[in-house]
């Protein structure tokens, strides 16, 4: 999984694509990376129940994708950063909005949501993905 994420970062042209890996409590593991992708400062984290887990949680800046198949991690990152994903705004509880980041890998659609502050500006990598 980490190797697929690192390969995706290399394909996107990042000069240093190595994730820092560490074990956490109960046999779980965590790996993260931060750096520049196409002029945007980006943070990516991967976490799983074990190094052999079939799926991971993917943290991408303020976005959280749960249950991403290990084989899909690289393609999900490539799809997002190559402009194939979409970000849409949706109304939630009476006075707030959420934004949804979605991308399909094979037959699986992955999505992450977060609250949108009224004065919040999108990150540079998010701007091309915003659907009007």
Protein backbone atom coordinates (compact mmCIF):
# COMPACT_ATOMS: atom_id res chain seq x y z
CA UNK A 1 0.00 0.00 0.00
CA UNK A 2 2.72 2.45 0.96
CA UNK A 3 4.74 1.42 -2.08
CA UNK A 4 1.74 2.19 -4.31
CA UNK A 5 1.35 5.64 -2.72
CA UNK A 6 5.07 6.32 -3.18
CA UNK A 7 4.86 5.23 -6.84
CA UNK A 8 1.91 7.60 -7.35
CA UNK A 9 3.88 10.50 -5.86
CA UNK A 10 6.83 9.74 -8.13
CA UNK A 11 4.46 9.61 -11.14
CA UNK A 12 3.20 13.06 -10.11
CA UNK A 13 6.77 14.37 -10.22
CA UNK A 14 7.57 14.72 -6.53
CA UNK A 15 11.33 14.46 -6.03
CA UNK A 16 11.09 12.82 -2.58
CA UNK A 17 8.27 10.29 -2.31
CA UNK A 18 9.31 8.23 0.74
CA UNK A 19 6.72 7.87 3.49
CA UNK A 20 7.84 7.82 7.14
CA UNK A 21 6.58 4.52 8.58
CA UNK A 22 5.99 3.54 12.19
CA UNK A 23 4.11 1.01 14.27
CA UNK A 24 1.47 2.19 16.73
CA UNK A 25 -0.42 0.47 19.54
CA UNK A 26 -1.95 -2.95 19.07
CA UNK A 27 -0.04 -3.91 15.92
CA UNK A 28 -1.46 -1.05 13.86
CA UNK A 29 0.79 1.03 11.63
CA UNK A 30 0.95 4.54 10.26
CA UNK A 31 2.87 6.09 7.37
CA UNK A 32 2.86 9.71 6.31
CA UNK A 33 4.36 12.11 3.84
CA UNK A 34 4.24 15.85 3.31
CA UNK A 35 5.57 17.90 0.49
CA UNK A 36 4.82 19.79 -2.68
CA UNK A 37 2.57 18.44 -5.43
CA UNK A 38 2.13 20.80 -8.37
CA UNK A 39 2.63 23.91 -6.25
CA UNK A 40 0.48 22.77 -3.32
CA UNK A 41 1.71 21.90 0.14
CA UNK A 42 0.08 18.49 0.76
CA UNK A 43 -0.10 16.06 3.69
CA UNK A 44 -0.87 12.36 3.10
CA UNK A 45 -1.27 9.75 5.83
CA UNK A 46 -2.00 6.04 5.59
CA UNK A 47 -3.08 3.93 8.55
CA UNK A 48 -4.16 0.35 8.97
CA UNK A 49 -4.90 -2.36 11.49
CA UNK A 50 -1.80 -4.30 10.45
CA UNK A 51 0.87 -4.09 7.76
CA UNK A 52 -0.96 -6.90 5.91
CA UNK A 53 -4.41 -5.24 6.12
CA UNK A 54 -6.44 -5.35 2.92
CA UNK A 55 -7.57 -1.74 3.30
CA UNK A 56 -6.37 1.51 4.85
CA UNK A 57 -7.60 4.89 5.99
CA UNK A 58 -6.21 7.60 3.72
CA UNK A 59 -5.73 11.09 5.16
CA UNK A 60 -5.31 13.80 2.56
CA UNK A 61 -4.94 17.24 4.14
CA UNK A 62 -8.34 17.69 5.88
CA UNK A 63 -10.01 14.83 3.96
CA UNK A 64 -10.41 11.30 5.37
CA UNK A 65 -11.12 8.33 3.12
CA UNK A 66 -12.08 5.25 5.12
CA UNK A 67 -11.64 1.69 3.90
CA UNK A 68 -9.56 2.26 0.76
CA UNK A 69 -8.47 -1.05 -0.77
CA UNK A 70 -4.69 -1.35 -0.60
CA UNK A 71 -4.47 -1.89 -4.34
CA UNK A 72 -6.42 1.32 -5.01
CA UNK A 73 -4.33 3.76 -2.94
CA UNK A 74 -2.00 4.80 -5.74
CA UNK A 75 -4.75 5.13 -8.35
CA UNK A 76 -6.88 7.18 -5.95
CA UNK A 77 -4.03 9.62 -5.34
CA UNK A 78 -3.21 9.81 -9.06
CA UNK A 79 -6.85 10.44 -9.93
CA UNK A 80 -7.19 13.22 -7.38
CA UNK A 81 -3.99 15.03 -8.29
CA UNK A 82 -4.41 14.61 -12.04
CA UNK A 83 -7.78 16.39 -11.93
CA UNK A 84 -10.07 13.38 -12.44
CA UNK A 85 -11.81 13.66 -9.04
CA UNK A 86 -14.62 16.07 -8.18
CA UNK A 87 -15.44 18.23 -5.21
CA UNK A 88 -19.08 19.17 -4.77
CA UNK A 89 -20.81 21.30 -2.17
CA UNK A 90 -23.85 19.92 -0.36
CA UNK A 91 -26.15 21.40 2.23
CA UNK A 92 -26.28 19.57 5.52
CA UNK A 93 -27.90 20.56 8.78
CA UNK A 94 -29.89 23.83 8.45
CA UNK A 95 -27.08 26.37 8.27
CA UNK A 96 -23.98 24.51 7.26
CA UNK A 97 -22.45 23.07 4.14
CA UNK A 98 -20.20 20.14 3.53
CA UNK A 99 -17.94 19.43 0.62
CA UNK A 100 -17.52 15.97 -0.86
CA UNK A 101 -14.37 14.78 -2.63
CA UNK A 102 -15.08 11.76 -4.87
CA UNK A 103 -13.16 9.59 -7.28
CA UNK A 104 -13.79 6.11 -8.69
CA UNK A 105 -11.07 3.49 -9.00
CA UNK A 106 -12.25 0.54 -11.04
CA UNK A 107 -15.80 -0.11 -9.93
CA UNK A 108 -15.37 1.43 -6.47
CA UNK A 109 -16.32 5.04 -5.72
CA UNK A 110 -14.36 6.56 -2.86
CA UNK A 111 -15.55 9.69 -1.10
CA UNK A 112 -14.57 11.90 1.80
CA UNK A 113 -16.52 14.77 3.35
CA UNK A 114 -15.73 17.74 5.52
CA UNK A 115 -17.46 20.85 6.80
CA UNK A 116 -16.91 24.00 4.83
CA UNK A 117 -16.27 27.23 6.69
CA UNK A 118 -17.95 30.31 5.25
CA UNK A 119 -14.64 32.10 4.65
CA UNK A 120 -12.56 29.04 3.82
CA UNK A 121 -10.57 29.12 0.61
CA UNK A 122 -9.80 25.87 -1.22
CA UNK A 123 -6.24 24.59 -1.35
CA UNK A 124 -4.53 25.10 -4.72
CA UNK A 125 -4.77 21.37 -5.57
CA UNK A 126 -8.51 21.41 -4.77
CA UNK A 127 -9.46 24.31 -7.07
CA UNK A 128 -9.49 22.41 -10.39
CA UNK A 129 -11.68 19.69 -8.84
CA UNK A 130 -14.54 21.94 -7.72
CA UNK A 131 -17.74 21.28 -9.64
CA UNK A 132 -19.97 24.32 -10.04
